[in-house]
Amino acid sequence: MLCSCSYESQMIDGGNAVIERIDSYKDSIGTTPSSLSDIGIAIVDESNPPYYYQRIDSLHYTLSFSNGVGAVSYTHLRAHE
């Protein structure tokens, strides 16, 4: 179980870095990106990158990841401030 906590901690840290890139994009372009590829994150397949980004509208989005057993363990909902 310690490995799982470490994994989740690493994913949250990585997710926070992705959120910073999304927010920087919003600040410079004025809208949320359509996909992670808009902020330079290559989308290889469903699990790479390990984050699931969903653009809700021009101001809102969610970013989440799986804990490895299919359940989303972290969802971050942001609105442009």
PDB file of N, CA and C in Angstrom:
ATOM      1  N   MET A   1       0.801  -1.188   0.000  1.00  0.00           N
ATOM      2  CA  MET A   1       0.000   0.000   0.000  1.00  0.00           C
ATOM      3  C   MET A   1       0.855   1.268   0.000  1.00  0.00           C
ATOM      4  N   LEU A   2       2.039   1.236   0.555  1.00  0.00           N
ATOM      5  CA  LEU A   2       2.913   2.407   0.548  1.00  0.00           C
ATOM      6  C   LEU A   2       3.228   2.846  -0.870  1.00  0.00           C
ATOM      7  N   CYS A   3       3.392   1.885  -1.743  1.00  0.00           N
ATOM      8  CA  CYS A   3       3.683   2.190  -3.141  1.00  0.00           C
ATOM      9  C   CYS A   3       2.523   2.975  -3.757  1.00  0.00           C
ATOM     10  N   SER A   4       1.296   2.597  -3.436  1.00  0.00           N
ATOM     11  CA  SER A   4       0.129   3.284  -3.972  1.00  0.00           C
ATOM     12  C   SER A   4       0.103   4.742  -3.532  1.00  0.00           C
ATOM     13  N   CYS A   5       0.385   4.989  -2.270  1.00  0.00           N
ATOM     14  CA  CYS A   5       0.387   6.363  -1.763  1.00  0.00           C
ATOM     15  C   CYS A   5       1.465   7.183  -2.457  1.00  0.00           C
ATOM     16  N   SER A   6       2.627   6.581  -2.638  1.00  0.00           N
ATOM     17  CA  SER A   6       3.712   7.265  -3.328  1.00  0.00           C
ATOM     18  C   SER A   6       3.312   7.564  -4.769  1.00  0.00           C
ATOM     19  N   TYR A   7       2.670   6.605  -5.427  1.00  0.00           N
ATOM     20  CA  TYR A   7       2.205   6.795  -6.799  1.00  0.00           C
ATOM     21  C   TYR A   7       1.213   7.951  -6.860  1.00  0.00           C
ATOM     22  N   GLU A   8       0.244   7.942  -5.954  1.00  0.00           N
ATOM     23  CA  GLU A   8      -0.765   9.005  -5.951  1.00  0.00           C
ATOM     24  C   GLU A   8      -0.129  10.356  -5.677  1.00  0.00           C
ATOM     25  N   SER A   9       0.826  10.395  -4.777  1.00  0.00           N
ATOM     26  CA  SER A   9       1.515  11.644  -4.472  1.00  0.00           C
ATOM     27  C   SER A   9       2.266  12.156  -5.705  1.00  0.00           C
ATOM     28  N   GLN A  10       2.942  11.270  -6.421  1.00  0.00           N
ATOM     29  CA  GLN A  10       3.650  11.648  -7.638  1.00  0.00           C
ATOM     30  C   GLN A  10       2.675  12.132  -8.700  1.00  0.00           C
ATOM     31  N   MET A  11       1.535  11.473  -8.820  1.00  0.00           N
ATOM     32  CA  MET A  11       0.543  11.865  -9.818  1.00  0.00           C
ATOM     33  C   MET A  11      -0.066  13.228  -9.469  1.00  0.00           C
ATOM     34  N   ILE A  12      -0.294  13.485  -8.197  1.00  0.00           N
ATOM     35  CA  ILE A  12      -0.827  14.787  -7.793  1.00  0.00           C
ATOM     36  C   ILE A  12       0.194  15.877  -8.080  1.00  0.00           C
ATOM     37  N   ASP A  13       1.461  15.609  -7.768  1.00  0.00           N
ATOM     38  CA  ASP A  13       2.512  16.593  -8.069  1.00  0.00           C
ATOM     39  C   ASP A  13       2.597  16.861  -9.568  1.00  0.00           C
ATOM     40  N   GLY A  14       2.570  15.790 -10.363  1.00  0.00           N
ATOM     41  CA  GLY A  14       2.593  15.948 -11.820  1.00  0.00           C
ATOM     42  C   GLY A  14       1.352  16.668 -12.320  1.00  0.00           C
ATOM     43  N   GLY A  15       0.208  16.340 -11.723  1.00  0.00           N
ATOM     44  CA  GLY A  15      -1.046  16.998 -12.102  1.00  0.00           C
ATOM     45  C   GLY A  15      -1.014  18.479 -11.804  1.00  0.00           C
ATOM     46  N   ASN A  16      -0.404  18.847 -10.690  1.00  0.00           N
ATOM     47  CA  ASN A  16      -0.287  20.269 -10.363  1.00  0.00           C
ATOM     48  C   ASN A  16       0.571  20.997 -11.392  1.00  0.00           C
ATOM     49  N   ALA A  17       1.606  20.322 -11.909  1.00  0.00           N
ATOM     50  CA  ALA A  17       2.433  20.924 -12.966  1.00  0.00           C
ATOM     51  C   ALA A  17       1.618  21.100 -14.246  1.00  0.00           C
ATOM     52  N   VAL A  18       0.760  20.125 -14.561  1.00  0.00           N
ATOM     53  CA  VAL A  18      -0.106  20.231 -15.736  1.00  0.00           C
ATOM     54  C   VAL A  18      -1.089  21.387 -15.547  1.00  0.00           C
ATOM     55  N   ILE A  19      -1.634  21.513 -14.349  1.00  0.00           N
ATOM     56  CA  ILE A  19      -2.574  22.598 -14.051  1.00  0.00           C
ATOM     57  C   ILE A  19      -1.903  23.956 -14.245  1.00  0.00           C
ATOM     58  N   GLU A  20      -0.657  24.075 -13.822  1.00  0.00           N
ATOM     59  CA  GLU A  20       0.073  25.328 -14.030  1.00  0.00           C
ATOM     60  C   GLU A  20       0.199  25.645 -15.520  1.00  0.00           C
ATOM     61  N   ARG A  21       0.456  24.622 -16.329  1.00  0.00           N
ATOM     62  CA  ARG A  21       0.563  24.834 -17.779  1.00  0.00           C
ATOM     63  C   ARG A  21      -0.778  25.226 -18.382  1.00  0.00           C
ATOM     64  N   ILE A  22      -1.849  24.592 -17.908  1.00  0.00           N
ATOM     65  CA  ILE A  22      -3.190  24.929 -18.397  1.00  0.00           C
ATOM     66  C   ILE A  22      -3.524  26.369 -18.031  1.00  0.00           C
ATOM     67  N   ASP A  23      -3.257  26.747 -16.788  1.00  0.00           N
ATOM     68  CA  ASP A  23      -3.561  28.110 -16.344  1.00  0.00           C
ATOM     69  C   ASP A  23      -2.718  29.144 -17.081  1.00  0.00           C
ATOM     70  N   SER A  24      -1.476  28.816 -17.352  1.00  0.00           N
ATOM     71  CA  SER A  24      -0.617  29.715 -18.124  1.00  0.00           C
ATOM     72  C   SER A  24      -1.170  29.895 -19.538  1.00  0.00           C
ATOM     73  N   TYR A  25      -1.637  28.807 -20.134  1.00  0.00           N
ATOM     74  CA  TYR A  25      -2.257  28.858 -21.462  1.00  0.00           C
ATOM     75  C   TYR A  25      -3.486  29.763 -21.418  1.00  0.00           C
ATOM     76  N   LYS A  26      -4.335  29.571 -20.397  1.00  0.00           N
ATOM     77  CA  LYS A  26      -5.539  30.412 -20.256  1.00  0.00           C
ATOM     78  C   LYS A  26      -5.181  31.875 -20.129  1.00  0.00           C
ATOM     79  N   ASP A  27      -4.148  32.148 -19.351  1.00  0.00           N
ATOM     80  CA  ASP A  27      -3.742  33.543 -19.147  1.00  0.00           C
ATOM     81  C   ASP A  27      -3.250  34.180 -20.443  1.00  0.00           C
ATOM     82  N   SER A  28      -2.558  33.414 -21.279  1.00  0.00           N
ATOM     83  CA  SER A  28      -2.005  34.003 -22.504  1.00  0.00           C
ATOM     84  C   SER A  28      -2.978  33.965 -23.675  1.00  0.00           C
ATOM     85  N   ILE A  29      -3.828  32.938 -23.766  1.00  0.00           N
ATOM     86  CA  ILE A  29      -4.737  32.782 -24.908  1.00  0.00           C
ATOM     87  C   ILE A  29      -6.144  33.296 -24.585  1.00  0.00           C
ATOM     88  N   GLY A  30      -6.533  33.206 -23.312  1.00  0.00           N
ATOM     89  CA  GLY A  30      -7.848  33.689 -22.907  1.00  0.00           C
ATOM     90  C   GLY A  30      -8.919  32.622 -22.831  1.00  0.00           C
ATOM     91  N   THR A  31      -8.530  31.372 -23.027  1.00  0.00           N
ATOM     92  CA  THR A  31      -9.485  30.265 -22.971  1.00  0.00           C
ATOM     93  C   THR A  31      -8.757  28.998 -22.543  1.00  0.00           C
ATOM     94  N   THR A  32      -9.507  28.018 -22.069  1.00  0.00           N
ATOM     95  CA  THR A  32      -8.883  26.745 -21.724  1.00  0.00           C
ATOM     96  C   THR A  32      -8.487  26.011 -23.009  1.00  0.00           C
ATOM     97  N   PRO A  33      -7.418  25.217 -22.951  1.00  0.00           N
ATOM     98  CA  PRO A  33      -7.016  24.476 -24.145  1.00  0.00           C
ATOM     99  C   PRO A  33      -8.059  23.421 -24.520  1.00  0.00           C
ATOM    100  N   SER A  34      -8.108  23.089 -25.795  1.00  0.00           N
ATOM    101  CA  SER A  34      -9.028  22.043 -26.253  1.00  0.00           C
ATOM    102  C   SER A  34      -8.579  20.668 -25.779  1.00  0.00           C
ATOM    103  N   SER A  35      -7.258  20.482 -25.718  1.00  0.00           N
ATOM    104  CA  SER A  35      -6.708  19.204 -25.259  1.00  0.00           C
ATOM    105  C   SER A  35      -5.334  19.450 -24.667  1.00  0.00           C
ATOM    106  N   LEU A  36      -4.768  18.426 -24.046  1.00  0.00           N
ATOM    107  CA  LEU A  36      -3.436  18.557 -23.474  1.00  0.00           C
ATOM    108  C   LEU A  36      -2.380  18.805 -24.543  1.00  0.00           C
ATOM    109  N   SER A  37      -2.647  18.381 -25.764  1.00  0.00           N
ATOM    110  CA  SER A  37      -1.673  18.622 -26.836  1.00  0.00           C
ATOM    111  C   SER A  37      -1.514  20.116 -27.109  1.00  0.00           C
ATOM    112  N   ASP A  38      -2.517  20.918 -26.798  1.00  0.00           N
ATOM    113  CA  ASP A  38      -2.420  22.373 -26.969  1.00  0.00           C
ATOM    114  C   ASP A  38      -1.379  23.000 -26.041  1.00  0.00           C
ATOM    115  N   ILE A  39      -1.056  22.309 -24.950  1.00  0.00           N
ATOM    116  CA  ILE A  39      -0.046  22.828 -24.026  1.00  0.00           C
ATOM    117  C   ILE A  39       1.250  22.022 -24.123  1.00  0.00           C
ATOM    118  N   GLY A  40       1.396  21.283 -25.212  1.00  0.00           N
ATOM    119  CA  GLY A  40       2.649  20.584 -25.473  1.00  0.00           C
ATOM    120  C   GLY A  40       2.777  19.207 -24.870  1.00  0.00           C
ATOM    121  N   ILE A  41       1.681  18.624 -24.416  1.00  0.00           N
ATOM    122  CA  ILE A  41       1.721  17.266 -23.867  1.00  0.00           C
ATOM    123  C   ILE A  41       1.202  16.317 -24.934  1.00  0.00           C
ATOM    124  N   ALA A  42       2.099  15.478 -25.448  1.00  0.00           N
ATOM    125  CA  ALA A  42       1.731  14.545 -26.516  1.00  0.00           C
ATOM    126  C   ALA A  42       0.773  13.490 -25.983  1.00  0.00           C
ATOM    127  N   ILE A  43      -0.270  13.232 -26.751  1.00  0.00           N
ATOM    128  CA  ILE A  43      -1.234  12.202 -26.388  1.00  0.00           C
ATOM    129  C   ILE A  43      -0.932  10.976 -27.243  1.00  0.00           C
ATOM    130  N   VAL A  44      -0.371   9.945 -26.593  1.00  0.00           N
ATOM    131  CA  VAL A  44       0.033   8.730 -27.292  1.00  0.00           C
ATOM    132  C   VAL A  44      -1.133   7.751 -27.362  1.00  0.00           C
ATOM    133  N   ASP A  45      -1.743   7.492 -26.229  1.00  0.00           N
ATOM    134  CA  ASP A  45      -2.912   6.616 -26.162  1.00  0.00           C
ATOM    135  C   ASP A  45      -3.696   6.953 -24.898  1.00  0.00           C
ATOM    136  N   GLU A  46      -4.667   6.106 -24.565  1.00  0.00           N
ATOM    137  CA  GLU A  46      -5.555   6.388 -23.438  1.00  0.00           C
ATOM    138  C   GLU A  46      -4.830   6.512 -22.098  1.00  0.00           C
ATOM    139  N   SER A  47      -3.694   5.821 -21.943  1.00  0.00           N
ATOM    140  CA  SER A  47      -2.992   5.864 -20.665  1.00  0.00           C
ATOM    141  C   SER A  47      -1.708   6.698 -20.708  1.00  0.00           C
ATOM    142  N   ASN A  48      -1.442   7.313 -21.828  1.00  0.00           N
ATOM    143  CA  ASN A  48      -0.231   8.112 -21.957  1.00  0.00           C
ATOM    144  C   ASN A  48      -0.558   9.407 -22.676  1.00  0.00           C
ATOM    145  N   PRO A  49      -0.681  10.531 -22.035  1.00  0.00           N
ATOM    146  CA  PRO A  49      -0.285  10.774 -20.653  1.00  0.00           C
ATOM    147  C   PRO A  49      -1.272  10.148 -19.671  1.00  0.00           C
ATOM    148  N   PRO A  50      -0.867   9.971 -18.427  1.00  0.00           N
ATOM    149  CA  PRO A  50      -1.736   9.304 -17.451  1.00  0.00           C
ATOM    150  C   PRO A  50      -2.849  10.185 -16.906  1.00  0.00           C
ATOM    151  N   TYR A  51      -2.959  11.409 -17.410  1.00  0.00           N
ATOM    152  CA  TYR A  51      -3.988  12.327 -16.934  1.00  0.00           C
ATOM    153  C   TYR A  51      -5.133  12.409 -17.935  1.00  0.00           C
ATOM    154  N   TYR A  52      -6.334  12.546 -17.406  1.00  0.00           N
ATOM    155  CA  TYR A  52      -7.509  12.721 -18.247  1.00  0.00           C
ATOM    156  C   TYR A  52      -7.955  14.173 -18.105  1.00  0.00           C
ATOM    157  N   TYR A  53      -7.894  14.901 -19.199  1.00  0.00           N
ATOM    158  CA  TYR A  53      -8.284  16.309 -19.237  1.00  0.00           C
ATOM    159  C   TYR A  53      -9.610  16.419 -19.961  1.00  0.00           C
ATOM    160  N   GLN A  54     -10.525  17.172 -19.376  1.00  0.00           N
ATOM    161  CA  GLN A  54     -11.798  17.428 -20.034  1.00  0.00           C
ATOM    162  C   GLN A  54     -12.077  18.924 -19.973  1.00  0.00           C
ATOM    163  N   ARG A  55     -12.194  19.516 -21.152  1.00  0.00           N
ATOM    164  CA  ARG A  55     -12.550  20.934 -21.239  1.00  0.00           C
ATOM    165  C   ARG A  55     -14.060  21.022 -21.121  1.00  0.00           C
ATOM    166  N   ILE A  56     -14.533  21.770 -20.136  1.00  0.00           N
ATOM    167  CA  ILE A  56     -15.973  21.928 -19.944  1.00  0.00           C
ATOM    168  C   ILE A  56     -16.475  23.084 -20.801  1.00  0.00           C
ATOM    169  N   ASP A  57     -15.782  24.203 -20.725  1.00  0.00           N
ATOM    170  CA  ASP A  57     -16.081  25.363 -21.558  1.00  0.00           C
ATOM    171  C   ASP A  57     -14.833  26.235 -21.579  1.00  0.00           C
ATOM    172  N   SER A  58     -14.959  27.456 -22.033  1.00  0.00           N
ATOM    173  CA  SER A  58     -13.780  28.305 -22.193  1.00  0.00           C
ATOM    174  C   SER A  58     -13.129  28.700 -20.865  1.00  0.00           C
ATOM    175  N   LEU A  59     -13.819  28.491 -19.748  1.00  0.00           N
ATOM    176  CA  LEU A  59     -13.286  28.882 -18.448  1.00  0.00           C
ATOM    177  C   LEU A  59     -13.065  27.721 -17.484  1.00  0.00           C
ATOM    178  N   HIS A  60     -13.682  26.566 -17.740  1.00  0.00           N
ATOM    179  CA  HIS A  60     -13.684  25.461 -16.782  1.00  0.00           C
ATOM    180  C   HIS A  60     -13.132  24.184 -17.396  1.00  0.00           C
ATOM    181  N   TYR A  61     -12.488  23.381 -16.533  1.00  0.00           N
ATOM    182  CA  TYR A  61     -11.956  22.090 -16.973  1.00  0.00           C
ATOM    183  C   TYR A  61     -11.800  21.164 -15.778  1.00  0.00           C
ATOM    184  N   THR A  62     -11.643  19.873 -16.057  1.00  0.00           N
ATOM    185  CA  THR A  62     -11.283  18.908 -15.028  1.00  0.00           C
ATOM    186  C   THR A  62     -10.000  18.218 -15.458  1.00  0.00           C
ATOM    187  N   LEU A  63      -9.218  17.801 -14.485  1.00  0.00           N
ATOM    188  CA  LEU A  63      -8.013  17.015 -14.711  1.00  0.00           C
ATOM    189  C   LEU A  63      -8.036  15.911 -13.675  1.00  0.00           C
ATOM    190  N   SER A  64      -7.909  14.664 -14.125  1.00  0.00           N
ATOM    191  CA  SER A  64      -7.975  13.539 -13.198  1.00  0.00           C
ATOM    192  C   SER A  64      -7.019  12.450 -13.644  1.00  0.00           C
ATOM    193  N   PHE A  65      -6.835  11.448 -12.780  1.00  0.00           N
ATOM    194  CA  PHE A  65      -6.029  10.286 -13.121  1.00  0.00           C
ATOM    195  C   PHE A  65      -6.587   9.062 -12.421  1.00  0.00           C
ATOM    196  N   SER A  66      -6.200   7.902 -12.902  1.00  0.00           N
ATOM    197  CA  SER A  66      -6.649   6.640 -12.334  1.00  0.00           C
ATOM    198  C   SER A  66      -5.655   6.180 -11.278  1.00  0.00           C
ATOM    199  N   ASN A  67      -6.154   5.493 -10.274  1.00  0.00           N
ATOM    200  CA  ASN A  67      -5.253   4.945  -9.260  1.00  0.00           C
ATOM    201  C   ASN A  67      -4.722   3.574  -9.656  1.00  0.00           C
ATOM    202  N   GLY A  68      -4.978   3.149 -10.870  1.00  0.00           N
ATOM    203  CA  GLY A  68      -4.456   1.878 -11.365  1.00  0.00           C
ATOM    204  C   GLY A  68      -5.450   0.736 -11.337  1.00  0.00           C
ATOM    205  N   VAL A  69      -6.571   0.915 -10.657  1.00  0.00           N
ATOM    206  CA  VAL A  69      -7.580  -0.133 -10.613  1.00  0.00           C
ATOM    207  C   VAL A  69      -8.875   0.344 -11.257  1.00  0.00           C
ATOM    208  N   GLY A  70      -8.768   1.396 -12.057  1.00  0.00           N
ATOM    209  CA  GLY A  70      -9.913   1.862 -12.821  1.00  0.00           C
ATOM    210  C   GLY A  70     -10.681   3.005 -12.201  1.00  0.00           C
ATOM    211  N   ALA A  71     -10.471   3.271 -10.924  1.00  0.00           N
ATOM    212  CA  ALA A  71     -11.207   4.348 -10.277  1.00  0.00           C
ATOM    213  C   ALA A  71     -10.400   5.641 -10.332  1.00  0.00           C
ATOM    214  N   VAL A  72     -11.088   6.716 -10.595  1.00  0.00           N
ATOM    215  CA  VAL A  72     -10.419   8.016 -10.587  1.00  0.00           C
ATOM    216  C   VAL A  72     -10.197   8.396  -9.135  1.00  0.00           C
ATOM    217  N   SER A  73      -8.956   8.691  -8.799  1.00  0.00           N
ATOM    218  CA  SER A  73      -8.671   9.004  -7.407  1.00  0.00           C
ATOM    219  C   SER A  73      -8.449  10.489  -7.163  1.00  0.00           C
ATOM    220  N   TYR A  74      -8.314  11.280  -8.212  1.00  0.00           N
ATOM    221  CA  TYR A  74      -8.056  12.708  -8.031  1.00  0.00           C
ATOM    222  C   TYR A  74      -8.711  13.456  -9.167  1.00  0.00           C
ATOM    223  N   THR A  75      -9.561  14.371  -8.839  1.00  0.00           N
ATOM    224  CA  THR A  75     -10.158  15.233  -9.849  1.00  0.00           C
ATOM    225  C   THR A  75      -9.975  16.666  -9.395  1.00  0.00           C
ATOM    226  N   HIS A  76      -9.519  17.465 -10.307  1.00  0.00           N
ATOM    227  CA  HIS A  76      -9.282  18.874 -10.013  1.00  0.00           C
ATOM    228  C   HIS A  76     -10.158  19.692 -10.951  1.00  0.00           C
ATOM    229  N   LEU A  77     -11.057  20.445 -10.405  1.00  0.00           N
ATOM    230  CA  LEU A  77     -11.952  21.292 -11.192  1.00  0.00           C
ATOM    231  C   LEU A  77     -11.520  22.730 -11.007  1.00  0.00           C
ATOM    232  N   ARG A  78     -11.254  23.400 -12.129  1.00  0.00           N
ATOM    233  CA  ARG A  78     -10.790  24.773 -12.048  1.00  0.00           C
ATOM    234  C   ARG A  78     -11.675  25.690 -12.879  1.00  0.00           C
ATOM    235  N   ALA A  79     -11.824  26.874 -12.383  1.00  0.00           N
ATOM    236  CA  ALA A  79     -12.477  27.943 -13.130  1.00  0.00           C
ATOM    237  C   ALA A  79     -11.468  29.059 -13.265  1.00  0.00           C
ATOM    238  N   HIS A  80     -11.503  29.745 -14.387  1.00  0.00           N
ATOM    239  CA  HIS A  80     -10.594  30.867 -14.582  1.00  0.00           C
ATOM    240  C   HIS A  80     -10.939  31.949 -13.578  1.00  0.00           C
ATOM    241  N   GLU A  81      -9.929  32.417 -12.882  1.00  0.00           N
ATOM    242  CA  GLU A  81     -10.171  33.420 -11.831  1.00  0.00           C
ATOM    243  C   GLU A  81      -9.774  34.787 -12.311  1.00  0.00           C
TER     244      GLU A  81
END
